[in-house]
C-alpha cells in the first residue's frame, strides 16, 4: 500500500446497530435532568456502558458515583439503565432525595416477572453474568436467597434444589443462542419450571446478534464498536466467531482499529453495540477512508421503531 494508491475495501454496515431505545431514553434522561435541575446532576454507576457517552455527559455536568452515599442529600440523582436493587430507591426516599430512575423498561419487565413468580411461591433462577449491574439490580429486587444465579450450561446441569416450584428470568443482554441452550437444559431437568411471559433477551440485543450472524458469511473481518464493559457488545464478537467470522474485534473507537489485521481484508463488516453512539461509527469510517479506497453499503436486516417514554421528573 502506498500513499498514492489506496487498496480497495468494501465496508458493510450492519443494521440495526448502535443505540437501542433503552439507551437513548437513559441518555435523554440525564440531559433533561441537567436542563431541569442545572449542574451538577449525579448518576449512580455509568448510565450506560460506553465511555464516550459517559465522558460526554460528564462534560455537560453529570457526576458519576458508585454509591448513593457519594451523593449529597440536596442533589438530584439518576439511577442507571441497568436497574438497581430495591434498597437504592428506598434509601433515596428515606433521605428525601430527588431521584429519577432510568432503568430500561425491558429490565423493569424482568424485575416484575421475578417478583410475580416469587409472590406465587417460586424460587427464582436468574440466567446472567455475576457482577453485572443488571444482575445485581435484579437479584436485589427480592429478599436474600430468593434468587440463584445460573451462568453456564454446566451451572444448569449441576444445579440442585429442594424447592418444589421454580421459575427463571434472564439478563437482557446475553447471547440469545447461549441462553437458549441454558434454558433447554433447565427445562429438561425441571420440566415444570415456569418461564417469563415473553423472552427476556432485549429485542435490540437479539436484532444486533441476528444481523451479525447474517453478515458473518459475507465478510473477512468484523469491527464491533463498543466499550469493553458492555455485555451486549462483547456478545456480538462472540456471535461473530461462532458464525464463522474468526477475525472479529471489539474496539472503543477509531483509535483501536487493528490495522495489522487488515492487510488481507477485502470486505469489512462494522456494527456497534446498543450503547455505542453513531458518531463513533462515523469516526471509524473516516479513519478507514484515510487508509483505503472505501465503498460503503448498508447491510440491513430489519428496521427498528421502538421508543420509550421519559419518566416524570420530580420538582426540585
Protein backbone atom coordinates (compact mmCIF):
# COMPACT_ATOMS: atom_id res chain seq x y z
CA UNK A 1 0.00 0.00 0.00
CA UNK A 2 1.30 3.47 -0.88
CA UNK A 3 0.09 6.97 -0.18
CA UNK A 4 -0.86 7.49 -3.82
CA UNK A 5 -2.69 4.22 -4.48
CA UNK A 6 -5.07 3.05 -1.76
CA UNK A 7 -6.18 -0.55 -1.61
CA UNK A 8 -9.91 -1.09 -2.18
CA UNK A 9 -12.03 -2.01 0.83
CA UNK A 10 -15.73 -2.89 0.78
CA UNK A 11 -17.46 -1.98 4.04
CA UNK A 12 -20.80 -3.47 5.05
CA UNK A 13 -22.55 -1.52 7.81
CA UNK A 14 -24.81 -3.77 9.87
CA UNK A 15 -28.30 -2.51 10.59
CA UNK A 16 -29.68 -2.34 13.15
CA UNK A 17 -26.67 -1.20 15.15
CA UNK A 18 -25.88 1.26 17.91
CA UNK A 19 -28.26 2.90 20.36
CA UNK A 20 -31.31 0.93 21.45
CA UNK A 21 -34.44 2.59 22.80
CA UNK A 22 -33.45 1.98 26.42
CA UNK A 23 -30.03 3.59 25.99
CA UNK A 24 -31.47 6.51 24.05
CA UNK A 25 -34.00 7.05 26.85
CA UNK A 26 -31.35 6.87 29.58
CA UNK A 27 -29.08 9.43 27.88
CA UNK A 28 -32.05 11.76 27.30
CA UNK A 29 -32.97 11.44 30.98
CA UNK A 30 -29.53 12.69 32.06
CA UNK A 31 -29.63 15.54 29.54
CA UNK A 32 -33.15 16.58 30.58
CA UNK A 33 -32.18 16.39 34.26
CA UNK A 34 -29.30 18.78 33.59
CA UNK A 35 -31.72 21.16 31.85
CA UNK A 36 -34.33 20.81 34.61
CA UNK A 37 -32.15 20.94 37.72
CA UNK A 38 -28.93 22.55 36.48
CA UNK A 39 -25.40 21.37 37.22
CA UNK A 40 -24.42 19.08 38.76
CA UNK A 41 -26.63 16.05 38.39
CA UNK A 42 -25.35 12.85 39.97
CA UNK A 43 -25.61 9.44 38.28
CA UNK A 44 -25.27 6.23 40.28
CA UNK A 45 -22.98 4.00 38.20
CA UNK A 46 -22.36 4.54 34.49
CA UNK A 47 -25.69 5.49 32.91
CA UNK A 48 -24.85 3.05 30.08
CA UNK A 49 -21.70 1.05 29.39
CA UNK A 50 -19.95 3.30 26.91
CA UNK A 51 -17.00 5.52 27.76
CA UNK A 52 -17.71 8.08 25.04
CA UNK A 53 -21.27 8.56 26.28
CA UNK A 54 -20.19 8.77 29.92
CA UNK A 55 -17.42 11.27 29.16
CA UNK A 56 -19.76 13.40 27.03
CA UNK A 57 -22.33 13.59 29.85
CA UNK A 58 -19.58 14.30 32.36
CA UNK A 59 -18.51 17.30 30.27
CA UNK A 60 -22.12 18.56 30.34
CA UNK A 61 -22.22 18.45 34.15
CA UNK A 62 -23.05 14.88 35.20
CA UNK A 63 -21.09 13.42 38.11
CA UNK A 64 -20.83 9.63 38.15
CA UNK A 65 -20.57 7.88 41.51
CA UNK A 66 -20.58 4.28 42.67
CA UNK A 67 -22.94 4.53 45.62
CA UNK A 68 -25.81 6.69 46.79
CA UNK A 69 -23.73 7.59 49.86
CA UNK A 70 -21.49 9.61 47.50
CA UNK A 71 -24.41 11.93 46.60
CA UNK A 72 -25.34 14.98 48.72
CA UNK A 73 -28.87 14.91 50.11
CA UNK A 74 -29.92 18.02 48.19
CA UNK A 75 -28.55 16.94 44.78
CA UNK A 76 -30.64 15.20 42.10
CA UNK A 77 -29.53 11.67 41.27
CA UNK A 78 -30.27 9.30 38.38
CA UNK A 79 -30.21 5.51 38.52
CA UNK A 80 -28.57 3.81 35.55
CA UNK A 81 -30.31 1.99 32.70
CA UNK A 82 -29.16 -1.37 34.12
CA UNK A 83 -31.50 -1.14 37.11
CA UNK A 84 -30.78 -1.01 40.84
CA UNK A 85 -31.66 -3.12 43.89
CA UNK A 86 -34.85 -2.07 45.69
CA UNK A 87 -32.74 -0.82 48.59
CA UNK A 88 -31.39 2.07 46.49
CA UNK A 89 -34.65 3.99 45.82
CA UNK A 90 -35.75 3.20 49.39
CA UNK A 91 -32.58 4.87 50.70
CA UNK A 92 -33.18 7.84 48.40
CA UNK A 93 -36.73 8.17 49.74
CA UNK A 94 -35.52 8.00 53.34
CA UNK A 95 -33.07 10.81 52.58
CA UNK A 96 -35.81 12.79 50.79
CA UNK A 97 -33.66 12.97 47.68
CA UNK A 98 -34.78 13.96 44.19
CA UNK A 99 -34.18 10.91 42.02
CA UNK A 100 -35.06 9.75 38.52
CA UNK A 101 -34.98 6.06 37.62
CA UNK A 102 -33.52 5.50 34.13
CA UNK A 103 -33.87 1.71 34.31
CA UNK A 104 -34.64 0.35 30.85
CA UNK A 105 -38.31 -0.69 30.68
CA UNK A 106 -37.23 -4.11 29.41
CA UNK A 107 -35.08 -4.59 32.52
CA UNK A 108 -38.01 -3.43 34.66
CA UNK A 109 -40.08 -6.16 32.97
CA UNK A 110 -37.57 -8.76 34.21
CA UNK A 111 -37.86 -7.31 37.72
CA UNK A 112 -41.65 -7.57 37.57
CA UNK A 113 -41.50 -11.15 36.26
CA UNK A 114 -39.15 -12.16 39.08
CA UNK A 115 -41.43 -10.56 41.68
CA UNK A 116 -44.54 -12.13 40.14
CA UNK A 117 -43.03 -15.62 40.26
CA UNK A 118 -41.68 -15.07 43.78
CA UNK A 119 -45.08 -13.94 45.06
CA UNK A 120 -46.65 -17.06 43.55
CA UNK A 121 -44.31 -19.21 45.66
CA UNK A 122 -41.50 -19.90 43.20
CA UNK A 123 -37.78 -19.93 43.81
CA UNK A 124 -36.11 -17.89 41.06
CA UNK A 125 -33.20 -18.79 38.80
CA UNK A 126 -31.55 -15.84 37.08
CA UNK A 127 -29.56 -16.60 33.92
CA UNK A 128 -26.84 -13.96 33.75
CA UNK A 129 -23.28 -12.91 34.47
CA UNK A 130 -22.13 -12.50 38.04
CA UNK A 131 -21.23 -8.93 38.95
CA UNK A 132 -23.01 -7.27 36.04
CA UNK A 133 -25.05 -4.25 37.28
CA UNK A 134 -28.23 -5.64 35.73
CA UNK A 135 -27.79 -8.92 37.58
CA UNK A 136 -27.09 -7.10 40.85
CA UNK A 137 -30.20 -4.99 40.31
CA UNK A 138 -32.44 -7.96 39.52
CA UNK A 139 -31.21 -10.05 42.45
CA UNK A 140 -31.77 -7.02 44.67
CA UNK A 141 -35.49 -6.99 43.88
CA UNK A 142 -36.13 -9.93 46.18
CA UNK A 143 -35.02 -11.00 49.67
CA UNK A 144 -31.58 -12.59 50.06
CA UNK A 145 -31.59 -16.23 48.99
CA UNK A 146 -34.69 -15.92 46.81
CA UNK A 147 -32.69 -15.95 43.56
CA UNK A 148 -29.88 -18.26 42.43
CA UNK A 149 -27.58 -17.28 39.55
CA UNK A 150 -27.06 -19.62 36.59
CA UNK A 151 -24.20 -18.52 34.32
CA UNK A 152 -23.47 -21.53 32.13
CA UNK A 153 -24.86 -24.81 30.83
CA UNK A 154 -22.67 -26.54 33.44
CA UNK A 155 -24.36 -24.49 36.16
CA UNK A 156 -27.74 -25.59 34.83
CA UNK A 157 -26.63 -29.22 34.69
CA UNK A 158 -25.24 -29.19 38.23
CA UNK A 159 -27.91 -27.10 39.93
CA UNK A 160 -29.69 -28.84 42.80
CA UNK A 161 -32.53 -27.59 44.94
CA UNK A 162 -35.21 -28.87 47.27
CA UNK A 163 -37.61 -26.12 46.17
CA UNK A 164 -40.87 -27.53 44.78
CA UNK A 165 -41.61 -24.58 42.47
CA UNK A 166 -39.02 -22.96 40.19
CA UNK A 167 -39.10 -20.12 37.69
CA UNK A 168 -36.41 -18.42 35.64
CA UNK A 169 -35.66 -14.97 34.27
CA UNK A 170 -32.66 -13.78 32.28
CA UNK A 171 -30.33 -10.84 31.92
CA UNK A 172 -31.41 -8.87 28.85
CA UNK A 173 -28.00 -8.55 27.13
CA UNK A 174 -26.94 -12.18 26.81
CA UNK A 175 -26.23 -14.24 23.71
CA UNK A 176 -29.63 -15.45 22.54
CA UNK A 177 -28.15 -18.78 21.37
CA UNK A 178 -26.22 -19.46 24.58
CA UNK A 179 -29.22 -18.55 26.71
CA UNK A 180 -31.45 -20.81 24.64
CA UNK A 181 -29.16 -23.77 25.43
CA UNK A 182 -29.14 -22.98 29.15
CA UNK A 183 -32.94 -22.70 29.18
CA UNK A 184 -33.25 -26.03 27.34
CA UNK A 185 -31.06 -27.68 29.98
CA UNK A 186 -33.13 -26.23 32.82
CA UNK A 187 -36.38 -27.33 31.19
CA UNK A 188 -35.02 -30.84 30.67
CA UNK A 189 -34.00 -31.12 34.32
CA UNK A 190 -37.01 -29.26 35.74
CA UNK A 191 -39.92 -29.87 33.32
CA UNK A 192 -42.34 -27.75 35.34
CA UNK A 193 -40.10 -24.69 35.66
CA UNK A 194 -42.08 -21.52 34.96
CA UNK A 195 -40.96 -19.21 32.19
CA UNK A 196 -41.21 -15.46 31.57
CA UNK A 197 -44.34 -14.27 29.76
CA UNK A 198 -42.09 -13.01 26.98
CA UNK A 199 -38.46 -13.61 26.03
CA UNK A 200 -36.27 -11.59 28.41
CA UNK A 201 -33.45 -11.07 25.90
CA UNK A 202 -33.76 -7.47 24.74
CA UNK A 203 -35.14 -7.01 21.21
CA UNK A 204 -32.13 -4.83 20.35
CA UNK A 205 -29.65 -7.43 21.62
CA UNK A 206 -31.34 -10.12 19.52
CA UNK A 207 -31.60 -7.92 16.41
CA UNK A 208 -27.93 -6.92 16.52
CA UNK A 209 -26.86 -10.53 17.01
CA UNK A 210 -29.01 -11.72 14.10
CA UNK A 211 -27.56 -9.00 11.86
CA UNK A 212 -24.03 -10.09 12.76
CA UNK A 213 -24.86 -13.74 12.06
CA UNK A 214 -26.17 -12.84 8.60
CA UNK A 215 -23.24 -10.52 7.94
CA UNK A 216 -20.57 -13.01 9.05
CA UNK A 217 -20.94 -15.09 5.87
CA UNK A 218 -20.05 -12.15 3.62
CA UNK A 219 -17.06 -10.53 5.33
CA UNK A 220 -13.41 -11.20 6.02
CA UNK A 221 -13.36 -9.27 9.27
CA UNK A 222 -15.74 -7.54 11.70
CA UNK A 223 -15.31 -4.47 13.89
CA UNK A 224 -17.72 -4.20 16.80
CA UNK A 225 -17.76 -0.68 18.22
CA UNK A 226 -18.45 -0.70 21.94
CA UNK A 227 -16.78 -0.48 25.32
CA UNK A 228 -15.14 -3.50 26.95
CA UNK A 229 -17.63 -3.48 29.84
CA UNK A 230 -20.62 -3.53 27.50
CA UNK A 231 -22.14 -7.01 27.77
CA UNK A 232 -24.13 -6.81 24.55
CA UNK A 233 -21.06 -5.56 22.61
CA UNK A 234 -18.88 -8.41 23.91
CA UNK A 235 -21.62 -10.86 22.90
CA UNK A 236 -21.55 -9.52 19.31
CA UNK A 237 -17.90 -10.53 18.99
CA UNK A 238 -18.70 -13.99 20.35
CA UNK A 239 -21.64 -14.35 17.97
CA UNK A 240 -19.42 -13.42 15.01
CA UNK A 241 -16.84 -16.01 15.98
CA UNK A 242 -19.48 -18.73 16.28
CA UNK A 243 -20.94 -17.70 12.91
CA UNK A 244 -17.60 -18.26 11.20
CA UNK A 245 -16.05 -14.78 11.21
CA UNK A 246 -12.94 -15.51 13.25
CA UNK A 247 -11.48 -12.04 12.78
CA UNK A 248 -13.91 -10.09 14.94
CA UNK A 249 -12.66 -7.32 17.20
CA UNK A 250 -14.21 -5.12 19.87
CA UNK A 251 -12.99 -1.52 19.60
CA UNK A 252 -13.88 1.60 21.58
CA UNK A 253 -13.37 3.94 18.64
CA UNK A 254 -11.15 4.67 15.63
CA UNK A 255 -8.00 4.72 17.77
CA UNK A 256 -8.48 0.97 18.44
CA UNK A 257 -8.69 -0.21 14.81
CA UNK A 258 -6.38 -3.27 14.49
CA UNK A 259 -4.61 -2.14 11.31
CA UNK A 260 -2.15 -5.04 11.31
CA UNK A 261 -5.05 -7.49 10.99
CA UNK A 262 -6.44 -5.75 7.91
CA UNK A 263 -3.68 -6.42 5.39
CA UNK A 264 -5.67 -9.21 3.67
CA UNK A 265 -9.14 -7.81 4.33
CA UNK A 266 -11.25 -7.13 1.24
CA UNK A 267 -14.70 -6.94 2.84
CA UNK A 268 -15.10 -5.46 6.30
CA UNK A 269 -18.22 -5.57 8.45
CA UNK A 270 -18.94 -2.90 11.03
CA UNK A 271 -21.54 -2.90 13.78
CA UNK A 272 -22.00 -1.15 17.11
CA UNK A 273 -23.29 -2.32 20.47
CA UNK A 274 -26.57 -1.00 21.83
CA UNK A 275 -24.81 1.62 23.98
CA UNK A 276 -22.44 2.93 21.26
CA UNK A 277 -23.45 6.19 19.51
CA UNK A 278 -23.38 6.57 15.73
CA UNK A 279 -20.70 9.27 15.97
CA UNK A 280 -18.20 6.52 16.80
CA UNK A 281 -19.17 4.62 13.65
CA UNK A 282 -18.62 7.81 11.63
CA UNK A 283 -15.18 8.22 13.19
CA UNK A 284 -14.19 4.67 12.27
CA UNK A 285 -15.35 5.17 8.67
CA UNK A 286 -13.33 8.38 8.41
CA UNK A 287 -10.20 6.64 9.73
CA UNK A 288 -10.63 3.77 7.27
CA UNK A 289 -11.07 6.22 4.37
CA UNK A 290 -7.60 7.60 5.07
CA UNK A 291 -6.03 4.15 4.60
CA UNK A 292 -8.24 2.52 1.98
CA UNK A 293 -10.34 3.32 -1.05
CA UNK A 294 -13.66 2.52 0.61
CA UNK A 295 -17.10 1.69 -0.71
CA UNK A 296 -19.75 1.64 2.00
CA UNK A 297 -23.01 -0.29 1.84
CA UNK A 298 -25.79 -0.65 4.40
CA UNK A 299 -26.43 -4.29 5.31
CA UNK A 300 -29.95 -4.01 6.70
CA UNK A 301 -31.63 -7.00 8.30
CA UNK A 302 -34.65 -5.15 9.68
CA UNK A 303 -35.79 -1.75 10.86
CA UNK A 304 -36.36 -0.82 14.50
CA UNK A 305 -39.03 1.65 15.53
CA UNK A 306 -39.14 1.15 19.31
CA UNK A 307 -39.21 4.22 21.55
CA UNK A 308 -39.74 4.54 25.30
CA UNK A 309 -41.35 7.49 27.05
CA UNK A 310 -39.38 9.54 29.54
CA UNK A 311 -40.40 9.30 33.20
CA UNK A 312 -41.93 12.15 35.18
CA UNK A 313 -39.27 14.43 36.68
CA UNK A 314 -39.91 15.39 40.31
CA UNK A 315 -39.89 19.06 41.22
CA UNK A 316 -36.78 20.26 42.97
